[in-house]
PDB file of all heavy atoms in Angstrom:
ATOM      1  N   ASN A   1       4.351   3.026   7.493  1.00  0.00           N
ATOM      2  CA  ASN A   1       4.150   3.725   6.232  1.00  0.00           C
ATOM      3  C   ASN A   1       2.802   3.624   5.576  1.00  0.00           C
ATOM      4  O   ASN A   1       2.387   4.380   4.707  1.00  0.00           O
ATOM      5  CB  ASN A   1       5.151   3.275   5.080  1.00  0.00           C
ATOM      6  CG  ASN A   1       5.166   1.796   4.803  1.00  0.00           C
ATOM      7  OD1 ASN A   1       4.120   1.147   4.994  1.00  0.00           O
ATOM      8  ND2 ASN A   1       6.195   1.239   4.132  1.00  0.00           N
ATOM      9  N   GLN A   2       1.931   2.899   6.280  1.00  0.00           N
ATOM     10  CA  GLN A   2       0.441   2.971   5.827  1.00  0.00           C
ATOM     11  C   GLN A   2      -0.103   4.254   6.358  1.00  0.00           C
ATOM     12  O   GLN A   2      -1.193   4.625   6.023  1.00  0.00           O
ATOM     13  CB  GLN A   2      -0.315   1.735   6.249  1.00  0.00           C
ATOM     14  CG  GLN A   2      -0.595   1.509   7.703  1.00  0.00           C
ATOM     15  CD  GLN A   2      -1.479   0.390   8.062  1.00  0.00           C
ATOM     16  OE1 GLN A   2      -2.013   0.334   9.206  1.00  0.00           O
ATOM     17  NE2 GLN A   2      -1.805  -0.476   7.109  1.00  0.00           N
ATOM     18  N   ARG A   3       0.627   4.925   7.321  1.00  0.00           N
ATOM     19  CA  ARG A   3       0.145   6.170   7.910  1.00  0.00           C
ATOM     20  C   ARG A   3       1.035   7.363   7.362  1.00  0.00           C
ATOM     21  O   ARG A   3       0.981   8.465   7.901  1.00  0.00           O
ATOM     22  CB  ARG A   3       0.326   6.185   9.451  1.00  0.00           C
ATOM     23  CG  ARG A   3      -0.708   5.270  10.105  1.00  0.00           C
ATOM     24  CD  ARG A   3      -0.260   4.855  11.535  1.00  0.00           C
ATOM     25  NE  ARG A   3      -1.413   4.244  12.168  1.00  0.00           N
ATOM     26  CZ  ARG A   3      -1.672   2.887  11.927  1.00  0.00           C
ATOM     27  NH1 ARG A   3      -1.020   2.175  11.098  1.00  0.00           N
ATOM     28  NH2 ARG A   3      -2.738   2.423  12.554  1.00  0.00           N
ATOM     29  N   GLY A   4       1.907   7.100   6.298  1.00  0.00           N
ATOM     30  CA  GLY A   4       2.654   8.129   5.810  1.00  0.00           C
ATOM     31  C   GLY A   4       3.945   8.445   6.593  1.00  0.00           C
ATOM     32  O   GLY A   4       4.723   9.292   6.273  1.00  0.00           O
ATOM     33  N   HIS A   5       4.258   7.608   7.632  1.00  0.00           N
ATOM     34  CA  HIS A   5       5.434   7.611   8.246  1.00  0.00           C
ATOM     35  C   HIS A   5       6.510   6.748   7.693  1.00  0.00           C
ATOM     36  O   HIS A   5       6.195   6.019   6.795  1.00  0.00           O
ATOM     37  CB  HIS A   5       5.287   7.192   9.828  1.00  0.00           C
ATOM     38  CG  HIS A   5       4.366   8.017  10.544  1.00  0.00           C
ATOM     39  ND1 HIS A   5       4.773   9.007  11.465  1.00  0.00           N
ATOM     40  CD2 HIS A   5       3.016   7.880  10.746  1.00  0.00           C
ATOM     41  CE1 HIS A   5       3.719   9.500  12.045  1.00  0.00           C
ATOM     42  NE2 HIS A   5       2.684   8.920  11.593  1.00  0.00           N
ATOM     43  N   GLY A   6       7.695   6.746   8.243  1.00  0.00           N
ATOM     44  CA  GLY A   6       8.722   5.721   7.700  1.00  0.00           C
ATOM     45  C   GLY A   6       9.080   6.098   6.301  1.00  0.00           C
ATOM     46  O   GLY A   6       9.695   7.174   6.027  1.00  0.00           O
ATOM     47  N   ALA A   7       8.850   5.098   5.378  1.00  0.00           N
ATOM     48  CA  ALA A   7       9.431   5.261   4.059  1.00  0.00           C
ATOM     49  C   ALA A   7       8.536   4.839   2.999  1.00  0.00           C
ATOM     50  O   ALA A   7       7.669   3.938   3.266  1.00  0.00           O
ATOM     51  CB  ALA A   7      10.819   4.401   3.931  1.00  0.00           C
ATOM     52  N   GLY A   8       8.501   5.518   1.841  1.00  0.00           N
ATOM     53  CA  GLY A   8       7.789   5.106   0.708  1.00  0.00           C
ATOM     54  C   GLY A   8       6.855   6.195   0.241  1.00  0.00           C
ATOM     55  O   GLY A   8       6.547   6.179  -0.906  1.00  0.00           O
ATOM     56  N   GLY A   9       6.338   7.016   1.152  1.00  0.00           N
ATOM     57  CA  GLY A   9       5.595   8.101   0.766  1.00  0.00           C
ATOM     58  C   GLY A   9       4.183   7.679   0.190  1.00  0.00           C
ATOM     59  O   GLY A   9       3.696   6.563   0.628  1.00  0.00           O
ATOM     60  N   ALA A  10       3.654   8.390  -0.670  1.00  0.00           N
ATOM     61  CA  ALA A  10       2.161   8.250  -1.160  1.00  0.00           C
ATOM     62  C   ALA A  10       2.106   7.051  -1.954  1.00  0.00           C
ATOM     63  O   ALA A  10       0.944   6.608  -2.214  1.00  0.00           O
ATOM     64  CB  ALA A  10       1.749   9.407  -1.850  1.00  0.00           C
ATOM     65  N   SER A  11       3.145   6.418  -2.499  1.00  0.00           N
ATOM     66  CA  SER A  11       2.987   5.362  -3.391  1.00  0.00           C
ATOM     67  C   SER A  11       2.670   3.985  -2.575  1.00  0.00           C
ATOM     68  O   SER A  11       2.128   3.084  -3.208  1.00  0.00           O
ATOM     69  CB  SER A  11       4.438   4.972  -4.157  1.00  0.00           C
ATOM     70  OG  SER A  11       5.371   4.412  -3.219  1.00  0.00           O
ATOM     71  N   ILE A  12       2.868   4.010  -1.256  1.00  0.00           N
ATOM     72  CA  ILE A  12       2.494   2.717  -0.635  1.00  0.00           C
ATOM     73  C   ILE A  12       1.039   2.293  -0.696  1.00  0.00           C
ATOM     74  O   ILE A  12       0.191   3.146  -0.530  1.00  0.00           O
ATOM     75  CB  ILE A  12       2.825   2.925   0.972  1.00  0.00           C
ATOM     76  CG1 ILE A  12       4.389   3.235   1.134  1.00  0.00           C
ATOM     77  CG2 ILE A  12       2.447   1.774   1.813  1.00  0.00           C
ATOM     78  CD1 ILE A  12       5.246   2.064   0.773  1.00  0.00           C
ATOM     79  N   LEU A  13       0.897   1.061  -0.997  1.00  0.00           N
ATOM     80  CA  LEU A  13      -0.431   0.429  -1.052  1.00  0.00           C
ATOM     81  C   LEU A  13      -0.947   0.197   0.299  1.00  0.00           C
ATOM     82  O   LEU A  13      -0.182  -0.544   1.016  1.00  0.00           O
ATOM     83  CB  LEU A  13      -0.490  -0.668  -2.163  1.00  0.00           C
ATOM     84  CG  LEU A  13       0.002  -0.392  -3.497  1.00  0.00           C
ATOM     85  CD1 LEU A  13       0.084  -1.762  -4.177  1.00  0.00           C
ATOM     86  CD2 LEU A  13      -1.158   0.378  -4.309  1.00  0.00           C
ATOM     87  N   THR A  14      -2.230   0.451   0.558  1.00  0.00           N
ATOM     88  CA  THR A  14      -2.827   0.005   1.910  1.00  0.00           C
ATOM     89  C   THR A  14      -4.181  -0.434   1.634  1.00  0.00           C
ATOM     90  O   THR A  14      -4.723  -0.416   0.601  1.00  0.00           O
ATOM     91  CB  THR A  14      -2.802   1.242   2.899  1.00  0.00           C
ATOM     92  OG1 THR A  14      -3.817   2.078   2.404  1.00  0.00           O
ATOM     93  CG2 THR A  14      -1.401   1.927   2.885  1.00  0.00           C
ATOM     94  N   PHE A  15      -4.792  -0.920   2.715  1.00  0.00           N
ATOM     95  CA  PHE A  15      -6.272  -1.385   2.783  1.00  0.00           C
ATOM     96  C   PHE A  15      -7.071  -0.343   2.305  1.00  0.00           C
ATOM     97  O   PHE A  15      -8.153  -0.610   1.772  1.00  0.00           O
ATOM     98  CB  PHE A  15      -6.543  -1.964   4.071  1.00  0.00           C
ATOM     99  CG  PHE A  15      -6.713  -0.994   5.224  1.00  0.00           C
ATOM    100  CD1 PHE A  15      -7.953  -0.301   5.429  1.00  0.00           C
ATOM    101  CD2 PHE A  15      -5.703  -0.678   5.930  1.00  0.00           C
ATOM    102  CE1 PHE A  15      -8.078   0.667   6.465  1.00  0.00           C
ATOM    103  CE2 PHE A  15      -5.782   0.249   6.997  1.00  0.00           C
ATOM    104  CZ  PHE A  15      -6.992   0.951   7.321  1.00  0.00           C
ATOM    105  N   TRP A  16      -6.720   0.948   2.400  1.00  0.00           N
ATOM    106  CA  TRP A  16      -7.646   2.041   2.031  1.00  0.00           C
ATOM    107  C   TRP A  16      -7.900   2.020   0.441  1.00  0.00           C
ATOM    108  O   TRP A  16      -8.791   2.587  -0.049  1.00  0.00           O
ATOM    109  CB  TRP A  16      -7.049   3.447   2.275  1.00  0.00           C
ATOM    110  CG  TRP A  16      -6.987   3.603   3.844  1.00  0.00           C
ATOM    111  CD1 TRP A  16      -5.817   3.758   4.558  1.00  0.00           C
ATOM    112  CD2 TRP A  16      -7.930   3.827   4.852  1.00  0.00           C
ATOM    113  NE1 TRP A  16      -6.091   3.946   5.931  1.00  0.00           N
ATOM    114  CE2 TRP A  16      -7.347   4.057   6.046  1.00  0.00           C
ATOM    115  CE3 TRP A  16      -9.472   3.940   4.624  1.00  0.00           C
ATOM    116  CZ2 TRP A  16      -8.200   4.368   7.260  1.00  0.00           C
ATOM    117  CZ3 TRP A  16     -10.167   4.245   5.906  1.00  0.00           C
ATOM    118  CH2 TRP A  16      -9.526   4.389   7.175  1.00  0.00           C
ATOM    119  N   ASP A  17      -6.940   1.383  -0.199  1.00  0.00           N
ATOM    120  CA  ASP A  17      -6.901   1.215  -1.752  1.00  0.00           C
ATOM    121  C   ASP A  17      -7.032  -0.257  -1.966  1.00  0.00           C
ATOM    122  O   ASP A  17      -6.199  -0.882  -2.559  1.00  0.00           O
ATOM    123  CB  ASP A  17      -5.593   1.623  -2.306  1.00  0.00           C
ATOM    124  CG  ASP A  17      -5.092   3.017  -1.800  1.00  0.00           C
ATOM    125  OD1 ASP A  17      -5.802   3.962  -2.165  1.00  0.00           O
ATOM    126  OD2 ASP A  17      -4.078   3.019  -1.285  1.00  0.00           O
ATOM    127  N   ALA A  18      -8.218  -0.832  -1.536  1.00  0.00           N
ATOM    128  CA  ALA A  18      -8.391  -2.236  -1.463  1.00  0.00           C
ATOM    129  C   ALA A  18      -8.097  -3.088  -2.825  1.00  0.00           C
ATOM    130  O   ALA A  18      -7.478  -4.097  -2.836  1.00  0.00           O
ATOM    131  CB  ALA A  18      -9.584  -2.741  -0.966  1.00  0.00           C
ATOM    132  N   ARG A  19      -8.556  -2.430  -3.836  1.00  0.00           N
ATOM    133  CA  ARG A  19      -8.460  -3.179  -5.168  1.00  0.00           C
ATOM    134  C   ARG A  19      -6.917  -3.321  -5.626  1.00  0.00           C
ATOM    135  O   ARG A  19      -6.513  -4.410  -5.902  1.00  0.00           O
ATOM    136  CB  ARG A  19      -9.263  -2.461  -6.317  1.00  0.00           C
ATOM    137  CG  ARG A  19      -9.438  -3.161  -7.624  1.00  0.00           C
ATOM    138  CD  ARG A  19     -10.346  -2.414  -8.545  1.00  0.00           C
ATOM    139  NE  ARG A  19     -10.562  -3.202  -9.791  1.00  0.00           N
ATOM    140  CZ  ARG A  19      -9.989  -2.856 -10.861  1.00  0.00           C
ATOM    141  NH1 ARG A  19      -8.930  -1.873 -11.049  1.00  0.00           N
ATOM    142  NH2 ARG A  19     -10.259  -3.567 -12.056  1.00  0.00           N
ATOM    143  N   LEU A  20      -6.252  -2.212  -5.492  1.00  0.00           N
ATOM    144  CA  LEU A  20      -4.873  -2.207  -5.918  1.00  0.00           C
ATOM    145  C   LEU A  20      -4.045  -3.015  -4.884  1.00  0.00           C
ATOM    146  O   LEU A  20      -3.104  -3.739  -5.146  1.00  0.00           O
ATOM    147  CB  LEU A  20      -4.327  -0.806  -5.957  1.00  0.00           C
ATOM    148  CG  LEU A  20      -4.986   0.129  -7.116  1.00  0.00           C
ATOM    149  CD1 LEU A  20      -4.345   1.535  -7.141  1.00  0.00           C
ATOM    150  CD2 LEU A  20      -4.789  -0.659  -8.456  1.00  0.00           C
ATOM    151  N   TYR A  21      -4.558  -2.841  -3.573  1.00  0.00           N
ATOM    152  CA  TYR A  21      -3.757  -3.474  -2.469  1.00  0.00           C
ATOM    153  C   TYR A  21      -3.876  -5.063  -2.700  1.00  0.00           C
ATOM    154  O   TYR A  21      -2.655  -5.682  -2.526  1.00  0.00           O
ATOM    155  CB  TYR A  21      -4.368  -3.162  -1.115  1.00  0.00           C
ATOM    156  CG  TYR A  21      -3.600  -3.669   0.012  1.00  0.00           C
ATOM    157  CD1 TYR A  21      -2.357  -3.111   0.458  1.00  0.00           C
ATOM    158  CD2 TYR A  21      -4.058  -4.616   0.795  1.00  0.00           C
ATOM    159  CE1 TYR A  21      -1.688  -3.543   1.523  1.00  0.00           C
ATOM    160  CE2 TYR A  21      -3.405  -5.096   1.909  1.00  0.00           C
ATOM    161  CZ  TYR A  21      -2.169  -4.503   2.304  1.00  0.00           C
ATOM    162  OH  TYR A  21      -1.506  -5.015   3.382  1.00  0.00           O
ATOM    163  N   LYS A  22      -4.855  -5.654  -3.040  1.00  0.00           N
ATOM    164  CA  LYS A  22      -4.982  -7.072  -3.153  1.00  0.00           C
ATOM    165  C   LYS A  22      -4.134  -7.496  -4.328  1.00  0.00           C
ATOM    166  O   LYS A  22      -3.432  -8.543  -4.151  1.00  0.00           O
ATOM    167  CB  LYS A  22      -6.354  -7.509  -3.427  1.00  0.00           C
ATOM    168  CG  LYS A  22      -7.249  -7.404  -2.220  1.00  0.00           C
ATOM    169  CD  LYS A  22      -8.665  -7.867  -2.380  1.00  0.00           C
ATOM    170  CE  LYS A  22      -9.510  -6.713  -2.994  1.00  0.00           C
ATOM    171  NZ  LYS A  22     -10.980  -7.056  -3.024  1.00  0.00           N
ATOM    172  N   MET A  23      -3.904  -6.736  -5.325  1.00  0.00           N
ATOM    173  CA  MET A  23      -2.993  -7.064  -6.480  1.00  0.00           C
ATOM    174  C   MET A  23      -1.625  -7.021  -6.037  1.00  0.00           C
ATOM    175  O   MET A  23      -0.756  -7.875  -6.290  1.00  0.00           O
ATOM    176  CB  MET A  23      -3.223  -6.043  -7.726  1.00  0.00           C
ATOM    177  CG  MET A  23      -4.284  -6.508  -8.646  1.00  0.00           C
ATOM    178  SD  MET A  23      -4.031  -5.732 -10.240  1.00  0.00           S
ATOM    179  CE  MET A  23      -4.616  -4.121  -9.833  1.00  0.00           C
ATOM    180  N   GLY A  24      -1.208  -6.015  -5.142  1.00  0.00           N
ATOM    181  CA  GLY A  24       0.123  -6.011  -4.740  1.00  0.00           C
ATOM    182  C   GLY A  24       0.437  -6.935  -3.829  1.00  0.00           C
ATOM    183  O   GLY A  24       1.565  -7.627  -3.938  1.00  0.00           O
ATOM    184  N   VAL A  25      -0.332  -7.372  -2.875  1.00  0.00           N
ATOM    185  CA  VAL A  25      -0.051  -8.439  -1.971  1.00  0.00           C
ATOM    186  C   VAL A  25      -0.029  -9.799  -2.677  1.00  0.00           C
ATOM    187  O   VAL A  25       0.738 -10.625  -2.535  1.00  0.00           O
ATOM    188  CB  VAL A  25      -1.026  -8.442  -0.753  1.00  0.00           C
ATOM    189  CG1 VAL A  25      -0.906  -9.702   0.114  1.00  0.00           C
ATOM    190  CG2 VAL A  25      -0.988  -7.237  -0.019  1.00  0.00           C
ATOM    191  N   GLY A  26      -0.905  -9.898  -3.702  1.00  0.00           N
ATOM    192  CA  GLY A  26      -1.001 -11.090  -4.600  1.00  0.00           C
ATOM    193  C   GLY A  26       0.288 -11.285  -5.291  1.00  0.00           C
ATOM    194  O   GLY A  26       0.868 -12.440  -5.306  1.00  0.00           O
ATOM    195  N   PHE A  27       0.874 -10.254  -5.750  1.00  0.00           N
ATOM    196  CA  PHE A  27       2.155 -10.303  -6.544  1.00  0.00           C
ATOM    197  C   PHE A  27       3.244 -10.620  -5.577  1.00  0.00           C
ATOM    198  O   PHE A  27       4.049 -11.603  -5.832  1.00  0.00           O
ATOM    199  CB  PHE A  27       2.437  -8.914  -7.288  1.00  0.00           C
ATOM    200  CG  PHE A  27       3.695  -8.942  -7.956  1.00  0.00           C
ATOM    201  CD1 PHE A  27       3.727  -9.379  -9.335  1.00  0.00           C
ATOM    202  CD2 PHE A  27       4.977  -8.711  -7.513  1.00  0.00           C
ATOM    203  CE1 PHE A  27       4.857  -9.479 -10.015  1.00  0.00           C
ATOM    204  CE2 PHE A  27       6.147  -8.818  -8.164  1.00  0.00           C
ATOM    205  CZ  PHE A  27       6.008  -9.189  -9.491  1.00  0.00           C
ATOM    206  N   MET A  28       3.264 -10.041  -4.365  1.00  0.00           N
ATOM    207  CA  MET A  28       4.303 -10.353  -3.484  1.00  0.00           C
ATOM    208  C   MET A  28       4.326 -11.877  -3.121  1.00  0.00           C
ATOM    209  O   MET A  28       5.324 -12.458  -2.964  1.00  0.00           O
ATOM    210  CB  MET A  28       4.103  -9.425  -2.177  1.00  0.00           C
ATOM    211  CG  MET A  28       5.081  -9.814  -1.067  1.00  0.00           C
ATOM    212  SD  MET A  28       4.835  -8.979   0.511  1.00  0.00           S
ATOM    213  CE  MET A  28       3.439  -9.726   1.100  1.00  0.00           C
TER     214      MET A  28
END
């Protein structure tokens, strides 16, 4: 899903959105 396959669509956070991604992984 970091490539747009699978599930979740455009909402999926990835390393391309590093600032938001670190928050998401931090929360998890």
